[in-house]
């Protein structure tokens, strides 16, 4: 199983990694053309895969790949935010929360087993630490299950932050 995971990781890195910014392209079409869009989940998934492969093997190259991609995610998918009368900090940019949740999962996996600087959550001062902004873009499912699906996403993000809390970090993810 490990060999298969390693091969898929290597293949994805060789074919979809953009060396210009360290992020991963979205797909390769049936015609062989690379879909050049970059979404948080593409790179987040590779951060998680690299972190898990590092944990399974101890191979530093997986860790370094995950760290580089995490830094690229931080550069692309996080932006500056200054609350009224407060200090500027970085939070996840407005976008598809499902895509961001996959990225957060990958960043949490990287952080959980390493001493890597925490790109996962640029943590906030105490007054903001338990706020999750409602200005994020929610999927429009046009059906009754929308609330359930969006609530499930919030539970996932809460679970990730709670697991970090258990490792001595108490702040909660803030999405703008």
N, C-alpha and C. Protein backbone atom coordinates (compact mmCIF):
# COMPACT_ATOMS: atom_id res chain seq x y z
N UNK A 1 0.81 -1.19 0.00
CA UNK A 1 0.00 0.00 0.00
C UNK A 1 0.87 1.26 0.00
N UNK A 2 1.93 1.26 0.84
CA UNK A 2 2.81 2.43 0.89
C UNK A 2 3.38 2.74 -0.49
N UNK A 3 3.84 1.71 -1.19
CA UNK A 3 4.44 1.91 -2.50
C UNK A 3 3.46 2.61 -3.44
N UNK A 4 2.20 2.21 -3.39
CA UNK A 4 1.17 2.81 -4.22
C UNK A 4 0.97 4.29 -3.85
N UNK A 5 0.93 4.58 -2.56
CA UNK A 5 0.78 5.97 -2.10
C UNK A 5 1.96 6.82 -2.54
N UNK A 6 3.14 6.28 -2.39
CA UNK A 6 4.34 7.00 -2.77
C UNK A 6 4.36 7.28 -4.28
N UNK A 7 3.96 6.30 -5.07
CA UNK A 7 3.92 6.48 -6.52
C UNK A 7 2.92 7.57 -6.92
N UNK A 8 1.76 7.56 -6.29
CA UNK A 8 0.75 8.57 -6.60
C UNK A 8 1.21 9.96 -6.19
N UNK A 9 1.88 10.05 -5.05
CA UNK A 9 2.41 11.33 -4.60
C UNK A 9 3.44 11.84 -5.61
N UNK A 10 4.36 10.97 -5.99
CA UNK A 10 5.42 11.35 -6.92
C UNK A 10 4.83 11.74 -8.28
N UNK A 11 3.87 10.95 -8.76
CA UNK A 11 3.25 11.26 -10.05
C UNK A 11 2.57 12.62 -10.02
N UNK A 12 1.81 12.87 -8.96
CA UNK A 12 1.10 14.16 -8.84
C UNK A 12 2.10 15.31 -8.79
N UNK A 13 3.15 15.13 -8.03
CA UNK A 13 4.18 16.17 -7.93
C UNK A 13 4.83 16.43 -9.29
N UNK A 14 5.15 15.38 -10.01
CA UNK A 14 5.82 15.52 -11.31
C UNK A 14 4.91 16.16 -12.36
N UNK A 15 3.60 15.90 -12.29
CA UNK A 15 2.70 16.33 -13.35
C UNK A 15 1.86 17.57 -13.03
N UNK A 16 1.61 17.84 -11.74
CA UNK A 16 0.70 18.94 -11.41
C UNK A 16 1.31 20.05 -10.56
N UNK A 17 2.52 19.88 -10.07
CA UNK A 17 3.15 20.92 -9.27
C UNK A 17 3.61 22.06 -10.18
N UNK A 18 3.23 23.27 -9.84
CA UNK A 18 3.70 24.45 -10.56
C UNK A 18 4.98 24.93 -9.87
N UNK A 19 6.12 24.79 -10.53
CA UNK A 19 7.37 25.19 -9.89
C UNK A 19 7.48 26.70 -9.66
N UNK A 20 6.62 27.46 -10.32
CA UNK A 20 6.66 28.92 -10.17
C UNK A 20 6.24 29.37 -8.77
N UNK A 21 5.19 28.74 -8.24
CA UNK A 21 4.70 29.18 -6.93
C UNK A 21 4.57 28.06 -5.91
N UNK A 22 4.85 26.82 -6.30
CA UNK A 22 4.81 25.71 -5.35
C UNK A 22 3.42 25.16 -5.06
N UNK A 23 2.41 25.60 -5.82
CA UNK A 23 1.05 25.10 -5.65
C UNK A 23 0.75 24.06 -6.72
N UNK A 24 -0.33 23.33 -6.54
CA UNK A 24 -0.71 22.26 -7.47
C UNK A 24 -1.87 22.69 -8.36
N UNK A 25 -1.73 22.38 -9.64
CA UNK A 25 -2.82 22.62 -10.59
C UNK A 25 -3.96 21.66 -10.28
N UNK A 26 -5.14 22.00 -10.79
CA UNK A 26 -6.35 21.26 -10.45
C UNK A 26 -6.45 19.88 -11.09
N UNK A 27 -6.08 19.74 -12.35
CA UNK A 27 -6.35 18.46 -13.02
C UNK A 27 -5.59 18.35 -14.34
N UNK A 28 -5.64 17.17 -14.89
CA UNK A 28 -5.21 16.91 -16.26
C UNK A 28 -6.41 16.34 -16.98
N UNK A 29 -6.83 16.99 -18.07
CA UNK A 29 -8.00 16.54 -18.81
C UNK A 29 -7.71 15.27 -19.61
N UNK A 30 -8.77 14.69 -20.12
CA UNK A 30 -8.62 13.48 -20.95
C UNK A 30 -7.77 13.74 -22.19
N UNK A 31 -7.72 15.00 -22.61
CA UNK A 31 -6.90 15.36 -23.75
C UNK A 31 -5.43 15.59 -23.38
N UNK A 32 -5.11 15.42 -22.08
CA UNK A 32 -3.74 15.57 -21.61
C UNK A 32 -3.36 16.99 -21.22
N UNK A 33 -4.27 17.94 -21.39
CA UNK A 33 -3.99 19.33 -21.05
C UNK A 33 -4.20 19.55 -19.55
N UNK A 34 -3.29 20.30 -18.97
CA UNK A 34 -3.36 20.60 -17.54
C UNK A 34 -4.37 21.73 -17.31
N UNK A 35 -5.32 21.48 -16.41
CA UNK A 35 -6.23 22.54 -15.97
C UNK A 35 -5.46 23.42 -15.00
N UNK A 36 -5.19 24.63 -15.38
CA UNK A 36 -4.24 25.48 -14.66
C UNK A 36 -4.84 26.20 -13.44
N UNK A 37 -6.09 25.96 -13.15
CA UNK A 37 -6.67 26.56 -11.95
C UNK A 37 -6.00 25.96 -10.72
N UNK A 38 -5.94 26.75 -9.67
CA UNK A 38 -5.34 26.29 -8.41
C UNK A 38 -6.34 26.56 -7.30
N UNK A 39 -6.70 25.50 -6.62
CA UNK A 39 -7.65 25.61 -5.52
C UNK A 39 -6.98 25.14 -4.24
N UNK A 40 -7.49 25.61 -3.12
CA UNK A 40 -6.89 25.29 -1.82
C UNK A 40 -6.84 23.78 -1.57
N UNK A 41 -7.84 23.05 -2.04
CA UNK A 41 -7.87 21.61 -1.74
C UNK A 41 -6.79 20.84 -2.48
N UNK A 42 -6.41 21.28 -3.68
CA UNK A 42 -5.37 20.56 -4.43
C UNK A 42 -4.06 20.54 -3.66
N UNK A 43 -3.62 21.71 -3.27
CA UNK A 43 -2.36 21.80 -2.55
C UNK A 43 -2.49 21.29 -1.12
N UNK A 44 -3.63 21.53 -0.49
CA UNK A 44 -3.85 21.04 0.87
C UNK A 44 -3.77 19.53 0.96
N UNK A 45 -4.31 18.88 -0.06
CA UNK A 45 -4.27 17.41 -0.07
C UNK A 45 -2.83 16.92 -0.19
N UNK A 46 -2.03 17.63 -0.97
CA UNK A 46 -0.62 17.23 -1.10
C UNK A 46 0.19 17.53 0.16
N UNK A 47 -0.19 18.57 0.90
CA UNK A 47 0.44 18.82 2.20
C UNK A 47 0.15 17.64 3.12
N UNK A 48 -1.11 17.22 3.16
CA UNK A 48 -1.48 16.10 4.03
C UNK A 48 -0.79 14.82 3.60
N UNK A 49 -0.76 14.56 2.31
CA UNK A 49 -0.11 13.34 1.81
C UNK A 49 1.38 13.35 2.17
N UNK A 50 2.04 14.48 1.96
CA UNK A 50 3.46 14.58 2.30
C UNK A 50 3.71 14.37 3.78
N UNK A 51 2.85 14.97 4.62
CA UNK A 51 3.00 14.82 6.07
C UNK A 51 2.80 13.37 6.49
N UNK A 52 1.79 12.72 5.93
CA UNK A 52 1.53 11.31 6.29
C UNK A 52 2.64 10.39 5.78
N UNK A 53 3.13 10.64 4.58
CA UNK A 53 4.22 9.82 4.06
C UNK A 53 5.49 10.02 4.89
N UNK A 54 5.74 11.24 5.32
CA UNK A 54 6.88 11.48 6.20
C UNK A 54 6.73 10.71 7.51
N UNK A 55 5.53 10.76 8.10
CA UNK A 55 5.29 10.05 9.36
C UNK A 55 5.45 8.55 9.20
N UNK A 56 5.05 8.04 8.03
CA UNK A 56 5.13 6.59 7.80
C UNK A 56 6.55 6.12 7.50
N UNK A 57 7.36 7.00 6.90
CA UNK A 57 8.67 6.55 6.43
C UNK A 57 9.85 7.23 7.12
N UNK A 58 9.64 8.42 7.64
CA UNK A 58 10.75 9.19 8.17
C UNK A 58 11.57 9.85 7.07
N UNK A 59 11.13 9.73 5.83
CA UNK A 59 11.85 10.31 4.69
C UNK A 59 11.64 11.82 4.68
N UNK A 60 12.70 12.56 4.93
CA UNK A 60 12.65 14.02 5.04
C UNK A 60 12.17 14.69 3.75
N UNK A 61 12.33 14.05 2.61
CA UNK A 61 11.91 14.69 1.36
C UNK A 61 10.40 14.92 1.35
N UNK A 62 9.63 14.00 1.93
CA UNK A 62 8.18 14.19 2.01
C UNK A 62 7.85 15.38 2.91
N UNK A 63 8.56 15.47 4.02
CA UNK A 63 8.33 16.58 4.95
C UNK A 63 8.66 17.91 4.27
N UNK A 64 9.78 17.97 3.59
CA UNK A 64 10.18 19.21 2.92
C UNK A 64 9.17 19.60 1.84
N UNK A 65 8.68 18.61 1.08
CA UNK A 65 7.64 18.89 0.08
C UNK A 65 6.40 19.47 0.75
N UNK A 66 5.96 18.85 1.84
CA UNK A 66 4.77 19.31 2.55
C UNK A 66 4.98 20.72 3.09
N UNK A 67 6.16 21.00 3.63
CA UNK A 67 6.45 22.33 4.17
C UNK A 67 6.46 23.39 3.08
N UNK A 68 7.07 23.08 1.94
CA UNK A 68 7.09 24.04 0.82
C UNK A 68 5.68 24.33 0.33
N UNK A 69 4.88 23.29 0.21
CA UNK A 69 3.51 23.49 -0.27
C UNK A 69 2.69 24.25 0.76
N UNK A 70 2.90 23.98 2.04
CA UNK A 70 2.19 24.72 3.10
C UNK A 70 2.54 26.20 3.03
N UNK A 71 3.81 26.51 2.84
CA UNK A 71 4.22 27.92 2.72
C UNK A 71 3.58 28.57 1.50
N UNK A 72 3.49 27.84 0.40
CA UNK A 72 2.85 28.37 -0.81
C UNK A 72 1.35 28.59 -0.57
N UNK A 73 0.72 27.68 0.16
CA UNK A 73 -0.70 27.85 0.51
C UNK A 73 -0.88 29.11 1.34
N UNK A 74 0.01 29.31 2.28
CA UNK A 74 -0.07 30.49 3.14
C UNK A 74 0.05 31.76 2.32
N UNK A 75 0.95 31.75 1.35
CA UNK A 75 1.13 32.93 0.48
C UNK A 75 -0.09 33.19 -0.39
N UNK A 76 -0.72 32.15 -0.89
CA UNK A 76 -1.81 32.31 -1.87
C UNK A 76 -3.20 32.37 -1.24
N UNK A 77 -3.44 31.56 -0.23
CA UNK A 77 -4.80 31.41 0.26
C UNK A 77 -5.09 32.12 1.58
N UNK A 78 -4.10 32.84 2.11
CA UNK A 78 -4.29 33.64 3.32
C UNK A 78 -4.04 35.10 2.96
N UNK A 79 -4.78 35.98 3.61
CA UNK A 79 -4.60 37.41 3.36
C UNK A 79 -4.58 38.19 4.65
N UNK A 80 -4.17 39.43 4.53
CA UNK A 80 -4.10 40.32 5.69
C UNK A 80 -5.50 40.74 6.13
N UNK A 81 -5.69 40.83 7.42
CA UNK A 81 -6.95 41.31 7.98
C UNK A 81 -6.63 42.15 9.20
N UNK A 82 -7.27 43.31 9.29
CA UNK A 82 -7.08 44.18 10.45
C UNK A 82 -8.45 44.49 11.04
N UNK A 83 -8.74 43.95 12.22
CA UNK A 83 -10.01 44.29 12.85
C UNK A 83 -9.98 45.75 13.32
N UNK A 84 -11.13 46.35 13.44
CA UNK A 84 -11.20 47.74 13.87
C UNK A 84 -10.49 47.89 15.22
N UNK A 85 -9.48 48.74 15.23
CA UNK A 85 -8.73 49.00 16.46
C UNK A 85 -7.79 47.89 16.88
N UNK A 86 -7.58 46.90 16.01
CA UNK A 86 -6.74 45.77 16.38
C UNK A 86 -5.49 45.66 15.54
N UNK A 87 -4.75 44.60 15.79
CA UNK A 87 -3.53 44.35 15.05
C UNK A 87 -3.83 43.52 13.79
N UNK A 88 -3.04 43.74 12.77
CA UNK A 88 -3.19 43.00 11.52
C UNK A 88 -2.69 41.57 11.70
N UNK A 89 -3.43 40.63 11.14
CA UNK A 89 -3.02 39.23 11.13
C UNK A 89 -3.51 38.62 9.83
N UNK A 90 -3.12 37.38 9.57
CA UNK A 90 -3.50 36.71 8.32
C UNK A 90 -4.59 35.68 8.61
N UNK A 91 -5.59 35.66 7.73
CA UNK A 91 -6.66 34.68 7.82
C UNK A 91 -6.90 34.10 6.43
N UNK A 92 -7.62 33.01 6.39
CA UNK A 92 -7.91 32.37 5.10
C UNK A 92 -8.79 33.30 4.28
N UNK A 93 -8.41 33.47 3.01
CA UNK A 93 -9.18 34.30 2.10
C UNK A 93 -10.57 33.75 1.89
N UNK A 94 -11.48 34.64 1.56
CA UNK A 94 -12.84 34.24 1.23
C UNK A 94 -12.79 33.31 0.02
N UNK A 95 -13.55 32.25 0.09
CA UNK A 95 -13.59 31.29 -1.00
C UNK A 95 -14.45 30.12 -0.62
N UNK A 96 -14.36 29.07 -1.36
CA UNK A 96 -15.16 27.88 -1.09
C UNK A 96 -14.69 27.24 0.21
N UNK A 97 -15.57 27.20 1.19
CA UNK A 97 -15.17 26.70 2.50
C UNK A 97 -14.82 25.21 2.48
N UNK A 98 -15.43 24.47 1.58
CA UNK A 98 -15.10 23.04 1.47
C UNK A 98 -13.66 22.88 1.00
N UNK A 99 -13.25 23.68 0.03
CA UNK A 99 -11.86 23.62 -0.44
C UNK A 99 -10.91 24.03 0.67
N UNK A 100 -11.27 25.09 1.40
CA UNK A 100 -10.43 25.55 2.51
C UNK A 100 -10.33 24.49 3.60
N UNK A 101 -11.42 23.78 3.86
CA UNK A 101 -11.40 22.74 4.90
C UNK A 101 -10.42 21.63 4.56
N UNK A 102 -10.33 21.26 3.29
CA UNK A 102 -9.35 20.24 2.87
C UNK A 102 -7.94 20.76 3.10
N UNK A 103 -7.72 22.03 2.76
CA UNK A 103 -6.40 22.61 2.98
C UNK A 103 -6.07 22.63 4.47
N UNK A 104 -7.04 23.05 5.29
CA UNK A 104 -6.81 23.10 6.74
C UNK A 104 -6.49 21.71 7.27
N UNK A 105 -7.18 20.70 6.77
CA UNK A 105 -6.91 19.31 7.19
C UNK A 105 -5.46 18.94 6.89
N UNK A 106 -4.98 19.31 5.71
CA UNK A 106 -3.59 19.02 5.36
C UNK A 106 -2.61 19.78 6.23
N UNK A 107 -2.90 21.05 6.47
CA UNK A 107 -2.02 21.85 7.31
C UNK A 107 -2.02 21.34 8.75
N UNK A 108 -3.18 20.89 9.23
CA UNK A 108 -3.26 20.33 10.58
C UNK A 108 -2.42 19.06 10.68
N UNK A 109 -2.47 18.24 9.67
CA UNK A 109 -1.68 16.99 9.66
C UNK A 109 -0.19 17.31 9.70
N UNK A 110 0.22 18.30 8.94
CA UNK A 110 1.63 18.71 8.92
C UNK A 110 2.03 19.24 10.30
N UNK A 111 1.21 20.08 10.87
CA UNK A 111 1.55 20.67 12.15
C UNK A 111 1.55 19.63 13.27
N UNK A 112 0.59 18.71 13.23
CA UNK A 112 0.40 17.75 14.33
C UNK A 112 1.62 16.91 14.64
N UNK A 113 2.42 16.60 13.64
CA UNK A 113 3.54 15.70 13.91
C UNK A 113 4.91 16.30 13.72
N UNK A 114 4.97 17.62 13.60
CA UNK A 114 6.27 18.25 13.35
C UNK A 114 6.40 19.51 14.18
N UNK A 115 7.54 20.11 14.11
CA UNK A 115 7.75 21.41 14.76
C UNK A 115 7.73 22.51 13.72
N UNK A 116 7.12 22.24 12.57
CA UNK A 116 7.04 23.22 11.50
C UNK A 116 6.28 24.45 11.97
N UNK A 117 6.74 25.64 11.57
CA UNK A 117 5.99 26.86 11.95
C UNK A 117 4.53 26.72 11.51
N UNK A 118 3.66 27.19 12.33
CA UNK A 118 2.25 26.91 12.11
C UNK A 118 1.62 27.83 11.07
N UNK A 119 1.69 27.42 9.83
CA UNK A 119 0.96 28.11 8.78
C UNK A 119 -0.51 27.80 8.89
N UNK A 120 -0.80 26.71 9.57
CA UNK A 120 -2.18 26.26 9.67
C UNK A 120 -3.12 27.38 10.07
N UNK A 121 -2.86 27.97 11.18
CA UNK A 121 -3.78 28.99 11.68
C UNK A 121 -2.99 30.17 12.20
N UNK A 122 -3.05 31.27 11.51
CA UNK A 122 -2.45 32.47 12.08
C UNK A 122 -3.36 32.87 13.24
N UNK A 123 -2.99 32.46 14.42
CA UNK A 123 -3.89 32.58 15.56
C UNK A 123 -4.11 34.02 15.96
N UNK A 124 -5.27 34.24 16.50
CA UNK A 124 -5.73 35.58 16.81
C UNK A 124 -5.56 35.92 18.28
N UNK A 125 -5.54 37.23 18.56
CA UNK A 125 -5.55 37.63 19.97
C UNK A 125 -6.84 37.13 20.64
N UNK A 126 -6.82 37.00 21.94
CA UNK A 126 -7.93 36.44 22.71
C UNK A 126 -9.32 36.93 22.28
N UNK A 127 -9.57 38.24 22.09
CA UNK A 127 -10.94 38.67 21.79
C UNK A 127 -11.50 38.07 20.49
N UNK A 128 -10.64 37.64 19.60
CA UNK A 128 -11.11 37.13 18.32
C UNK A 128 -11.02 35.62 18.22
N UNK A 129 -10.53 34.97 19.25
CA UNK A 129 -10.15 33.58 19.12
C UNK A 129 -11.29 32.60 18.92
N UNK A 130 -12.51 32.97 19.29
CA UNK A 130 -13.60 32.03 19.13
C UNK A 130 -14.60 32.46 18.05
N UNK A 131 -14.18 33.35 17.18
CA UNK A 131 -15.06 33.87 16.15
C UNK A 131 -14.82 33.15 14.84
N UNK A 132 -15.87 32.67 14.23
CA UNK A 132 -15.78 32.17 12.87
C UNK A 132 -16.69 33.05 12.04
N UNK A 133 -16.11 33.77 11.13
CA UNK A 133 -16.86 34.76 10.35
C UNK A 133 -17.88 34.10 9.44
N UNK A 134 -18.99 34.78 9.27
CA UNK A 134 -20.04 34.28 8.37
C UNK A 134 -19.89 34.86 6.97
N UNK A 135 -18.83 35.57 6.71
CA UNK A 135 -18.67 36.18 5.38
C UNK A 135 -18.04 35.21 4.38
N UNK A 136 -17.78 33.99 4.81
CA UNK A 136 -17.20 33.03 3.88
C UNK A 136 -18.26 32.57 2.88
N UNK A 137 -17.82 32.15 1.74
CA UNK A 137 -18.74 31.69 0.71
C UNK A 137 -19.19 30.29 1.02
N UNK A 138 -20.47 30.11 1.17
CA UNK A 138 -21.02 28.79 1.43
C UNK A 138 -21.54 28.20 0.12
N UNK A 139 -21.43 26.89 -0.05
CA UNK A 139 -21.98 26.28 -1.25
C UNK A 139 -23.49 26.45 -1.28
N UNK A 140 -24.04 26.65 -2.45
CA UNK A 140 -25.49 26.76 -2.60
C UNK A 140 -25.99 25.46 -3.18
N UNK A 141 -26.49 24.60 -2.33
CA UNK A 141 -26.92 23.27 -2.77
C UNK A 141 -28.36 23.29 -3.25
N UNK A 142 -29.08 24.42 -3.04
CA UNK A 142 -30.47 24.55 -3.47
C UNK A 142 -31.32 23.38 -3.00
N UNK A 143 -31.11 22.95 -1.80
CA UNK A 143 -31.91 21.86 -1.27
C UNK A 143 -31.89 21.92 0.25
N UNK A 144 -32.73 21.15 0.85
CA UNK A 144 -32.87 21.17 2.30
C UNK A 144 -31.59 20.69 3.00
N UNK A 145 -30.79 19.90 2.33
CA UNK A 145 -29.59 19.36 2.97
C UNK A 145 -28.46 20.37 3.08
N UNK A 146 -28.63 21.57 2.50
CA UNK A 146 -27.58 22.58 2.56
C UNK A 146 -27.14 22.85 3.99
N UNK A 147 -28.09 23.05 4.88
CA UNK A 147 -27.74 23.34 6.26
C UNK A 147 -26.93 22.19 6.86
N UNK A 148 -27.36 20.97 6.61
CA UNK A 148 -26.65 19.81 7.14
C UNK A 148 -25.23 19.73 6.62
N UNK A 149 -25.06 19.96 5.32
CA UNK A 149 -23.72 19.87 4.74
C UNK A 149 -22.82 20.98 5.26
N UNK A 150 -23.35 22.21 5.32
CA UNK A 150 -22.55 23.31 5.84
C UNK A 150 -22.23 23.10 7.31
N UNK A 151 -23.18 22.58 8.06
CA UNK A 151 -22.95 22.29 9.48
C UNK A 151 -21.88 21.22 9.64
N UNK A 152 -21.90 20.24 8.75
CA UNK A 152 -20.90 19.18 8.78
C UNK A 152 -19.51 19.78 8.57
N UNK A 153 -19.41 20.74 7.67
CA UNK A 153 -18.13 21.40 7.43
C UNK A 153 -17.66 22.11 8.69
N UNK A 154 -18.55 22.82 9.35
CA UNK A 154 -18.17 23.52 10.57
C UNK A 154 -17.72 22.53 11.65
N UNK A 155 -18.36 21.37 11.71
CA UNK A 155 -17.94 20.34 12.65
C UNK A 155 -16.53 19.87 12.31
N UNK A 156 -16.24 19.68 11.03
CA UNK A 156 -14.90 19.26 10.60
C UNK A 156 -13.85 20.28 11.02
N UNK A 157 -14.12 21.54 10.76
CA UNK A 157 -13.16 22.59 11.14
C UNK A 157 -13.02 22.64 12.66
N UNK A 158 -14.12 22.50 13.37
CA UNK A 158 -14.08 22.49 14.82
C UNK A 158 -13.25 21.32 15.34
N UNK A 159 -13.43 20.14 14.73
CA UNK A 159 -12.67 18.95 15.13
C UNK A 159 -11.18 19.19 14.96
N UNK A 160 -10.81 19.79 13.83
CA UNK A 160 -9.39 20.05 13.58
C UNK A 160 -8.82 21.01 14.61
N UNK A 161 -9.56 22.07 14.90
CA UNK A 161 -9.04 23.03 15.86
C UNK A 161 -9.04 22.46 17.27
N UNK A 162 -10.01 21.60 17.59
CA UNK A 162 -10.03 20.97 18.91
C UNK A 162 -8.82 20.05 19.07
N UNK A 163 -8.47 19.32 18.01
CA UNK A 163 -7.31 18.44 18.12
C UNK A 163 -6.04 19.25 18.30
N UNK A 164 -5.98 20.43 17.70
CA UNK A 164 -4.83 21.30 17.93
C UNK A 164 -4.87 21.86 19.35
N UNK A 165 -6.06 22.14 19.84
CA UNK A 165 -6.20 22.62 21.21
C UNK A 165 -5.63 21.61 22.19
N UNK A 166 -5.86 20.34 21.92
CA UNK A 166 -5.34 19.28 22.79
C UNK A 166 -3.82 19.23 22.76
N UNK A 167 -3.21 19.82 21.73
CA UNK A 167 -1.75 19.84 21.68
C UNK A 167 -1.21 21.16 22.22
N UNK A 168 -2.03 21.88 22.98
CA UNK A 168 -1.55 23.09 23.64
C UNK A 168 -1.91 24.37 22.92
N UNK A 169 -2.66 24.29 21.87
CA UNK A 169 -3.04 25.48 21.12
C UNK A 169 -4.55 25.63 21.27
N UNK A 170 -5.02 26.78 21.73
CA UNK A 170 -6.42 26.91 22.05
C UNK A 170 -7.20 27.77 21.08
N UNK A 171 -6.56 28.46 20.19
CA UNK A 171 -7.28 29.35 19.30
C UNK A 171 -8.06 28.60 18.24
N UNK A 172 -9.04 29.25 17.68
CA UNK A 172 -9.93 28.64 16.69
C UNK A 172 -9.73 29.30 15.34
N UNK A 173 -9.82 28.52 14.31
CA UNK A 173 -9.69 28.99 12.94
C UNK A 173 -10.67 30.10 12.62
N UNK A 174 -10.20 31.10 11.96
CA UNK A 174 -11.07 32.17 11.51
C UNK A 174 -11.00 32.26 10.00
N UNK A 175 -12.13 32.22 9.38
CA UNK A 175 -12.23 32.37 7.93
C UNK A 175 -12.84 33.72 7.64
N UNK A 176 -12.26 34.47 6.70
CA UNK A 176 -12.91 35.74 6.39
C UNK A 176 -13.81 35.57 5.20
